[in-house]
Protein backbone atom coordinates (compact mmCIF):
# COMPACT_ATOMS: atom_id res chain seq x y z
CA UNK A 1 -17.60 61.36 -45.22
CA UNK A 2 -17.14 64.55 -43.21
CA UNK A 3 -18.42 66.71 -46.06
CA UNK A 4 -21.51 64.57 -46.69
CA UNK A 5 -22.80 64.27 -43.10
CA UNK A 6 -24.40 67.77 -42.81
CA UNK A 7 -26.44 67.14 -45.97
CA UNK A 8 -27.84 63.77 -44.91
CA UNK A 9 -30.63 65.18 -42.71
CA UNK A 10 -32.33 67.21 -45.50
CA UNK A 11 -31.78 64.38 -47.99
CA UNK A 12 -33.48 61.93 -45.62
CA UNK A 13 -36.43 64.32 -45.16
CA UNK A 14 -36.93 64.48 -48.93
CA UNK A 15 -36.51 60.70 -49.30
CA UNK A 16 -39.08 59.90 -46.60
CA UNK A 17 -41.42 62.52 -48.07
CA UNK A 18 -41.24 60.87 -51.47
CA UNK A 19 -41.87 57.46 -49.96
CA UNK A 20 -44.88 58.60 -47.91
CA UNK A 21 -46.46 60.85 -50.54
CA UNK A 22 -45.75 59.02 -53.81
CA UNK A 23 -45.52 55.35 -52.90
CA UNK A 24 -47.98 55.16 -50.00
CA UNK A 25 -50.28 57.83 -51.46
CA UNK A 26 -50.82 60.01 -48.39
CA UNK A 27 -51.67 63.71 -48.61
CA UNK A 28 -49.15 66.20 -47.21
CA UNK A 29 -50.35 67.49 -43.83
CA UNK A 30 -48.86 68.34 -40.45
CA UNK A 31 -48.74 64.73 -39.25
CA UNK A 32 -46.96 63.32 -42.29
CA UNK A 33 -44.46 66.18 -42.23
CA UNK A 34 -43.74 65.51 -38.54
CA UNK A 35 -43.25 61.82 -39.33
CA UNK A 36 -40.80 62.74 -42.13
CA UNK A 37 -38.76 65.02 -39.91
CA UNK A 38 -38.84 62.60 -36.96
CA UNK A 39 -37.65 59.63 -39.01
CA UNK A 40 -34.92 61.70 -40.64
CA UNK A 41 -33.70 62.96 -37.26
CA UNK A 42 -33.61 59.48 -35.74
CA UNK A 43 -31.80 57.90 -38.71
CA UNK A 44 -29.32 60.72 -39.41
CA UNK A 45 -25.80 60.47 -37.94
CA UNK A 46 -24.94 62.28 -34.72
CA UNK A 47 -21.65 64.22 -34.51
CA UNK A 48 -19.82 64.87 -31.23
CA UNK A 49 -16.52 66.64 -30.61
CA UNK A 50 -14.56 65.03 -27.78
CA UNK A 51 -11.41 66.27 -26.05
CA UNK A 52 -8.64 63.66 -25.83
CA UNK A 53 -4.98 63.79 -24.96
CA UNK A 54 -4.04 63.95 -28.64
CA UNK A 55 -6.39 66.87 -29.25
CA UNK A 56 -9.99 67.20 -30.36
CA UNK A 57 -11.62 64.24 -32.04
CA UNK A 58 -14.88 64.09 -33.95
CA UNK A 59 -17.13 61.08 -33.41
CA UNK A 60 -19.82 60.12 -35.90
CA UNK A 61 -22.45 57.70 -34.58
CA UNK A 62 -25.36 56.11 -36.48
CA UNK A 63 -28.44 54.51 -34.96
CA UNK A 64 -27.96 50.95 -36.26
CA UNK A 65 -24.17 51.10 -36.72
CA UNK A 66 -22.36 49.54 -33.75
CA UNK A 67 -18.95 51.13 -34.40
CA UNK A 68 -18.23 54.78 -33.68
CA UNK A 69 -16.23 56.53 -36.40
CA UNK A 70 -13.45 58.69 -34.92
CA UNK A 71 -11.71 61.43 -36.87
CA UNK A 72 -9.14 63.92 -35.68
CA UNK A 73 -9.88 67.55 -36.41
């Protein structure tokens, strides 16, 4: 999971672009590109590094996922 997370943001941009341009039939312009990037940013996972007594821990948090995934570095 740790190796995939940095690539999710660009993959989501491409996926939303394909949906908006091919399926919905909109022309690429500034507004549709901003919508693509905004949706991808909101739906991509957020990564935080937190200091704990055991050492540093990486937290991965998704928008609609209630659990926080903790991993030790």
